[in-house]
Each structure stands twice: as structure tokens, then as C-alpha cells.
Protein backbone atom coordinates (compact mmCIF):
# COMPACT_ATOMS: atom_id res chain seq x y z
CA UNK A 1 13.63 -34.53 144.14
CA UNK A 2 10.87 -37.48 144.51
CA UNK A 3 8.14 -35.40 145.24
CA UNK A 4 9.18 -33.30 142.12
CA UNK A 5 9.01 -36.18 139.99
CA UNK A 6 5.89 -37.93 141.06
CA UNK A 7 4.26 -34.70 140.84
CA UNK A 8 5.64 -34.53 137.10
CA UNK A 9 4.55 -38.05 136.78
CA UNK A 10 1.14 -36.98 138.16
CA UNK A 11 0.80 -33.57 135.69
CA UNK A 12 1.68 -36.39 132.59
CA UNK A 13 -0.58 -38.52 133.34
CA UNK A 14 -3.81 -36.49 134.11
CA UNK A 15 -2.88 -34.14 131.26
CA UNK A 16 -2.71 -37.33 129.01
CA UNK A 17 -6.41 -38.76 129.81
CA UNK A 18 -7.57 -35.55 129.54
CA UNK A 19 -6.93 -35.88 125.83
CA UNK A 20 -7.30 -39.40 125.27
CA UNK A 21 -10.69 -38.90 126.33
CA UNK A 22 -11.53 -35.35 124.47
CA UNK A 23 -13.84 -35.38 121.65
CA UNK A 24 -13.73 -33.02 118.40
CA UNK A 25 -15.97 -29.63 118.64
CA UNK A 26 -16.44 -26.10 117.85
CA UNK A 27 -13.85 -24.11 115.72
CA UNK A 28 -10.28 -24.93 115.42
CA UNK A 29 -7.45 -22.77 113.89
CA UNK A 30 -4.25 -21.83 113.30
CA UNK A 31 -3.31 -25.39 111.76
CA UNK A 32 0.04 -24.18 111.26
CA UNK A 33 0.67 -24.71 115.03
CA UNK A 34 0.93 -28.72 114.04
CA UNK A 35 3.46 -28.40 111.04
CA UNK A 36 6.69 -29.06 111.30
CA UNK A 37 9.05 -25.84 109.96
CA UNK A 38 13.01 -26.92 109.55
CA UNK A 39 13.73 -30.19 107.25
CA UNK A 40 15.40 -31.43 110.48
CA UNK A 41 11.76 -32.08 111.34
CA UNK A 42 9.74 -32.79 108.22
CA UNK A 43 12.58 -35.54 106.99
CA UNK A 44 11.93 -37.30 110.22
CA UNK A 45 8.24 -37.30 110.33
CA UNK A 46 7.52 -34.84 113.28
CA UNK A 47 10.64 -35.92 115.45
CA UNK A 48 14.35 -35.86 115.85
CA UNK A 49 14.45 -32.21 118.00
CA UNK A 50 17.10 -33.46 120.33
CA UNK A 51 19.41 -34.65 117.95
CA UNK A 52 19.18 -31.54 115.37
CA UNK A 53 20.83 -28.92 114.30
CA UNK A 54 18.59 -26.00 113.56
CA UNK A 55 17.78 -23.09 115.93
CA UNK A 56 14.26 -24.09 115.63
CA UNK A 57 14.55 -27.41 116.75
CA UNK A 58 12.94 -26.32 120.32
CA UNK A 59 9.35 -25.63 118.62
CA UNK A 60 9.27 -29.57 118.21
CA UNK A 61 9.69 -29.90 121.98
CA UNK A 62 10.88 -26.69 124.02
CA UNK A 63 14.04 -28.61 126.02
CA UNK A 64 15.84 -30.11 122.65
CA UNK A 65 17.87 -26.89 122.94
CA UNK A 66 19.56 -28.16 125.98
CA UNK A 67 21.37 -30.94 124.39
CA UNK A 68 24.01 -29.28 122.21
CA UNK A 69 25.98 -26.49 123.41
CA UNK A 70 26.21 -23.75 120.69
CA UNK A 71 24.62 -20.57 118.85
CA UNK A 72 22.74 -21.30 116.10
CA UNK A 73 21.18 -19.33 113.50
CA UNK A 74 18.54 -20.96 110.84
CA UNK A 75 16.31 -20.17 107.92
CA UNK A 76 14.33 -22.51 106.13
CA UNK A 77 11.69 -22.24 103.08
CA UNK A 78 8.70 -24.84 103.33
CA UNK A 79 6.99 -25.85 100.18
CA UNK A 80 3.81 -27.10 101.47
CA UNK A 81 0.66 -28.39 99.89
CA UNK A 82 -1.48 -26.44 97.51
CA UNK A 83 1.41 -24.25 96.63
CA UNK A 84 1.04 -22.40 99.95
CA UNK A 85 4.73 -21.26 101.27
CA UNK A 86 6.13 -21.35 104.63
CA UNK A 87 8.93 -19.43 105.85
CA UNK A 88 10.88 -20.05 109.32
CA UNK A 89 13.39 -18.44 111.18
CA UNK A 90 15.39 -18.92 114.62
CA UNK A 91 18.09 -18.60 116.83
CA UNK A 92 19.57 -20.06 119.34
CA UNK A 93 21.86 -19.73 122.36
CA UNK A 94 22.78 -23.08 124.35
CA UNK A 95 25.38 -23.97 127.20
CA UNK A 96 24.00 -27.16 128.23
CA UNK A 97 22.53 -26.09 131.45
CA UNK A 98 20.06 -23.06 129.83
CA UNK A 99 19.21 -22.68 126.36
CA UNK A 100 17.23 -19.01 125.01
CA UNK A 101 15.68 -19.41 121.75
CA UNK A 102 13.58 -16.86 119.10
CA UNK A 103 12.03 -17.93 116.00
CA UNK A 104 9.10 -17.09 113.08
CA UNK A 105 6.69 -18.94 111.43
CA UNK A 106 5.11 -17.35 108.25
CA UNK A 107 2.29 -19.26 106.20
CA UNK A 108 1.62 -17.90 102.54
CA UNK A 109 -1.75 -18.89 101.33
CA UNK A 110 -1.34 -16.49 98.46
CA UNK A 111 -3.53 -14.48 96.18
CA UNK A 112 -7.19 -16.81 96.53
CA UNK A 113 -10.59 -16.28 94.36
CA UNK A 114 -13.57 -14.46 96.75
CA UNK A 115 -17.05 -15.49 95.48
CA UNK A 116 -20.36 -15.41 96.33
CA UNK A 117 -22.68 -18.24 97.15
CA UNK A 118 -23.26 -18.34 93.54
CA UNK A 119 -20.05 -18.40 92.41
CA UNK A 120 -19.99 -15.20 91.09
CA UNK A 121 -16.18 -13.64 91.74
CA UNK A 122 -16.04 -10.26 93.31
CA UNK A 123 -12.18 -9.75 94.19
CA UNK A 124 -9.40 -11.67 95.68
CA UNK A 125 -7.87 -11.93 99.19
CA UNK A 126 -4.84 -13.09 101.03
CA UNK A 127 -4.67 -15.54 104.06
CA UNK A 128 -1.55 -15.68 106.22
CA UNK A 129 -0.47 -16.93 109.70
CA UNK A 130 2.36 -15.61 111.67
CA UNK A 131 3.73 -17.10 115.16
CA UNK A 132 6.34 -15.33 117.12
CA UNK A 133 8.12 -17.79 119.39
CA UNK A 134 10.35 -17.37 122.26
CA UNK A 135 12.31 -20.72 124.06
CA UNK A 136 13.52 -21.17 127.88
CA UNK A 137 15.19 -24.44 128.66
CA UNK A 138 16.68 -25.17 132.03
CA UNK A 139 18.52 -28.46 133.73
CA UNK A 140 17.93 -28.44 136.67
CA UNK A 141 19.15 -31.58 137.61
CA UNK A 142 21.70 -33.83 135.19
CA UNK A 143 18.97 -36.23 134.45
CA UNK A 144 16.12 -33.78 133.99
CA UNK A 145 15.11 -30.69 131.69
CA UNK A 146 12.19 -28.69 131.41
CA UNK A 147 11.75 -25.78 128.68
CA UNK A 148 8.84 -23.28 127.68
CA UNK A 149 8.01 -21.70 124.79
CA UNK A 150 5.38 -18.80 124.18
CA UNK A 151 4.01 -18.13 121.34
CA UNK A 152 2.42 -14.85 119.54
CA UNK A 153 -0.04 -15.62 117.10
CA UNK A 154 -1.62 -14.02 114.54
CA UNK A 155 -3.96 -15.60 111.48
CA UNK A 156 -5.88 -13.08 108.68
CA UNK A 157 -8.60 -14.00 106.36
CA UNK A 158 -9.90 -12.13 103.38
CA UNK A 159 -10.83 -8.77 106.35
CA UNK A 160 -11.38 -10.83 108.68
CA UNK A 161 -8.46 -11.35 111.94
CA UNK A 162 -7.62 -13.26 115.16
CA UNK A 163 -4.82 -13.05 117.20
CA UNK A 164 -3.81 -14.93 120.65
CA UNK A 165 -0.64 -16.22 122.67
CA UNK A 166 0.06 -20.30 123.37
CA UNK A 167 2.53 -21.76 125.65
CA UNK A 168 4.01 -25.02 125.30
CA UNK A 169 5.61 -26.93 128.20
CA UNK A 170 8.15 -30.11 127.90
CA UNK A 171 10.31 -31.89 129.87
CA UNK A 172 12.57 -34.86 129.30
CA UNK A 173 13.87 -37.64 131.58
CA UNK A 174 17.70 -39.20 130.35
CA UNK A 175 17.40 -42.87 131.50
CA UNK A 176 20.07 -44.72 132.92
CA UNK A 177 20.58 -47.12 129.55
CA UNK A 178 23.25 -44.74 127.65
CA UNK A 179 21.82 -43.10 125.01
CA UNK A 180 18.18 -42.76 126.13
CA UNK A 181 15.46 -39.97 126.92
CA UNK A 182 12.17 -39.75 127.84
CA UNK A 183 10.05 -36.72 126.63
CA UNK A 184 7.13 -35.16 127.51
CA UNK A 185 4.98 -31.99 126.16
CA UNK A 186 2.06 -30.49 126.09
CA UNK A 187 1.40 -27.79 123.41
CA UNK A 188 -0.94 -24.67 122.52
CA UNK A 189 -1.85 -24.08 125.85
CA UNK A 190 -3.61 -20.65 125.20
CA UNK A 191 -6.32 -17.95 124.27
CA UNK A 192 -7.40 -16.57 120.55
CA UNK A 193 -9.90 -13.91 119.71
CA UNK A 194 -12.90 -14.55 118.03
CA UNK A 195 -12.91 -13.98 114.41
CA UNK A 196 -16.35 -12.75 113.32
CA UNK A 197 -17.64 -13.47 116.19
CA UNK A 198 -16.44 -17.36 116.02
CA UNK A 199 -14.30 -18.74 118.52
CA UNK A 200 -11.25 -20.18 117.71
CA UNK A 201 -9.97 -23.01 119.29
CA UNK A 202 -6.31 -24.14 119.40
CA UNK A 203 -5.35 -27.71 118.69
CA UNK A 204 -3.76 -28.78 121.98
CA UNK A 205 -1.64 -31.84 121.89
CA UNK A 206 -0.04 -34.18 124.26
CA UNK A 207 2.97 -35.68 123.02
CA UNK A 208 4.85 -38.74 124.89
CA UNK A 209 8.28 -39.85 122.91
CA UNK A 210 11.07 -42.34 123.73
CA UNK A 211 14.38 -41.25 122.15
CA UNK A 212 17.76 -43.14 121.59
CA UNK A 213 20.93 -42.75 120.30
CA UNK A 214 23.78 -45.56 118.84
CA UNK A 215 27.01 -45.22 118.23
CA UNK A 216 28.03 -47.48 115.65
CA UNK A 217 31.93 -47.99 114.17
CA UNK A 218 32.11 -44.02 112.81
CA UNK A 219 28.54 -43.74 112.57
CA UNK A 220 25.73 -42.61 114.70
CA UNK A 221 21.98 -43.67 114.79
CA UNK A 222 19.45 -41.53 116.12
CA UNK A 223 15.50 -42.86 116.14
CA UNK A 224 12.70 -41.44 118.22
CA UNK A 225 8.94 -42.65 118.85
CA UNK A 226 6.29 -40.63 119.51
CA UNK A 227 2.96 -41.10 120.47
CA UNK A 228 0.82 -38.24 119.38
CA UNK A 229 -2.94 -36.57 120.77
CA UNK A 230 -4.57 -33.81 119.11
CA UNK A 231 -7.97 -32.43 121.00
CA UNK A 232 -9.00 -31.28 117.61
CA UNK A 233 -9.07 -34.62 116.26
CA UNK A 234 -10.06 -38.15 117.66
CA UNK A 235 -7.26 -40.05 116.30
CA UNK A 236 -4.14 -41.44 118.15
CA UNK A 237 -1.24 -40.87 116.26
CA UNK A 238 2.11 -42.30 116.34
CA UNK A 239 5.47 -40.95 114.57
CA UNK A 240 8.93 -42.45 113.97
CA UNK A 241 11.98 -40.78 112.88
CA UNK A 242 15.88 -41.86 112.05
CA UNK A 243 18.92 -40.02 111.40
CA UNK A 244 22.23 -41.57 110.51
CA UNK A 245 25.55 -39.37 111.12
CA UNK A 246 28.22 -40.36 108.56
CA UNK A 247 31.47 -38.73 109.63
CA UNK A 248 30.19 -36.10 110.95
CA UNK A 249 29.37 -34.70 107.09
CA UNK A 250 26.42 -36.38 105.41
CA UNK A 251 23.28 -36.82 107.64
CA UNK A 252 20.25 -39.32 106.49
CA UNK A 253 17.11 -38.96 107.07
CA UNK A 254 13.80 -41.65 107.44
CA UNK A 255 10.16 -41.05 108.94
CA UNK A 256 7.32 -42.88 108.86
CA UNK A 257 4.08 -41.39 109.93
CA UNK A 258 1.13 -44.31 111.49
CA UNK A 259 -2.34 -43.13 111.28
CA UNK A 260 -1.96 -40.05 109.51
CA UNK A 261 -5.12 -39.25 106.49
CA UNK A 262 -2.42 -38.99 103.75
CA UNK A 263 0.89 -38.84 105.11
CA UNK A 264 3.14 -42.11 105.99
CA UNK A 265 7.05 -42.09 104.42
CA UNK A 266 9.40 -38.92 104.91
CA UNK A 267 12.90 -39.02 104.11
CA UNK A 268 15.97 -36.24 103.53
CA UNK A 269 19.49 -35.87 103.44
CA UNK A 270 21.71 -33.17 105.50
CA UNK A 271 25.41 -31.82 104.59
CA UNK A 272 27.87 -30.22 107.35
CA UNK A 273 30.31 -28.24 106.18
CA UNK A 274 32.63 -26.72 109.21
CA UNK A 275 30.03 -24.15 110.61
CA UNK A 276 27.68 -24.38 107.86
CA UNK A 277 24.67 -27.13 107.07
CA UNK A 278 22.29 -27.75 104.44
CA UNK A 279 19.54 -29.43 104.64
CA UNK A 280 16.86 -30.97 102.68
CA UNK A 281 13.43 -33.22 103.36
CA UNK A 282 10.60 -34.53 100.97
CA UNK A 283 7.01 -35.00 102.57
CA UNK A 284 4.95 -36.94 100.38
CA UNK A 285 0.92 -36.61 99.96
CA UNK A 286 -1.39 -39.00 98.95
CA UNK A 287 -5.23 -38.54 97.07
CA UNK A 288 -3.45 -36.12 94.68
CA UNK A 289 -2.22 -33.54 97.22
CA UNK A 290 0.88 -31.50 96.15
CA UNK A 291 3.95 -33.32 97.91
CA UNK A 292 6.08 -30.85 100.09
CA UNK A 293 9.90 -29.63 99.82
CA UNK A 294 12.31 -28.14 102.69
CA UNK A 295 15.45 -26.15 102.05
CA UNK A 296 16.72 -25.04 105.19
CA UNK A 297 20.37 -23.53 105.85
CA UNK A 298 21.76 -23.17 109.39
CA UNK A 299 24.74 -21.41 110.57
CA UNK A 300 26.62 -22.12 113.88
CA UNK A 301 29.18 -19.25 115.53
């Protein structure tokens, strides 16, 4: 077991070193891979997967589904920037030892005008992004968890299109301190086809996080701090999310994004009614960019 821990540590250090020294280059696509699909993650600035009731929490972290023994189906409508819409749906079945999940994400850009270089209108086109995901997670020791996501991608712009596949690899370690976890994730490793003879690079990223849970009388407080490095971005970013659970009925959520261009605070709430949960997230943007609203519904079997 000591040898396994050393190998995992070496992989984390090597991956982080590569991403921190990477320079941006080439044409990067499939930016949908960066967007939080559900209201839980959106309200907490892209964190909160480990204490989420959403079926597609594994898209934030492939090991997240292992921390709740449940079967859940979730749907979400994300009113994204510039009047675009992101639809998501997912299902997960987990017993704490293993987890299996499926999900899809569909980003609809709406109808856009197609003009020549001189500005002449020649028609309209309907771009879109589509992602199908499979998840498997496994607890291989009492305090070590691993997970993998396999994603099938499709992107269309006017008459040109591209398809591909990616993998997300996740590892979580339960600290000896009560309620504390450490996580590491490598996302979007894969390959895509060319679009009109132009190669599309994937937005590979590496994430390191620390998660802490507190019990204060009848109130539960969850918090997560996560460092993020995207290979298509020279900046090192951080996100912080907090969730307060009041009497297992009402959830209040806050998040903050550090070193993002047009984003900072996020917020939301959730209402838990026996087997049904209703969630809402609000993500404001600066520079006259549309604010984002996310509405989700989950049903637990």
C-alpha cells in the first residue's frame, strides 16, 4: 500500500508541474467541458461535489459519487451567457464501495447569423456542443478512493463539426482529521478530430482540493478550497465553496472565484422534500455579460 501511495503522489506532482509550466498555444475547443452543469456546483463556484445530492456531481470529481449510498436521477436547465442554454441530465447508483453514473450535457447556442467578410447576410446556422459521460468509482482502501469518467464529445459550428473523447481521473484521500478530505483530478485527457483541417486542442486541467465538514448542533457546514490550472490558460485559479444544511430541509450555498476574468461571487439554495430536491444557482458576470441562472431537480430512489 505504501508503494501505491508513492506512485499516486508522483503522478500528482508530475501532472501539476507540467500544467503549471504550460504555455497557451493552438486552438482550444469544447469549452463546455469547463462549465459546471448542475446548480449545486454552479452555486459553489465549481466545488461541492462531495456533499452534493446531484446525480452528475461526478463530472466535477470522478470520486464524488462514492460518498453517498444512493440512487439519484437529476435534470438541470442552465440559462447561460449570451442567451445560450445548457441542458443536463444524469443518473448515479452508488453503495459507498463502488459507483456507476451516466450523464449528458447539451449546449444550445441558438440560431446565429452567417455573414460574409463584408457583412452581407447569407443565412443562419445553429452551433451546438454535446457530451455523453460514463463514470466508475471504487474505494480501494477505507480512506482512499479512485474514479474515472469517460466522455464522448461532439461539437458543430455551421457546417463544420468535430468529435472526440476524453477521460477524467480522480483520487481522494480521507484525512485522519474528522471530516477532512484531499482530492486531485486530471480532466479532459483525450483526442478530437480536426474541424475544417484545423486541429482542436482540449482544455486539459489539473485540480487540487481540500474539503472540510463541520457539525454545529443541528447545522452541517461543508466547505471546499480548490486550485485549478487549465492548460489553455496561463493563469492559476482558485475557487472556494460553502454549503450550510439547515435541519436537512434547506441548503444555503455560496462560492467565490479567485483570478477569473469576469466572475467572482456565486450563490444559491436548495430545498429537500423527502425524495425530491429542488436547487437554484445564481452566477453573476461583469462587463455587461448576462448573469447565469441554473435550476435543477433531483429524485432519490
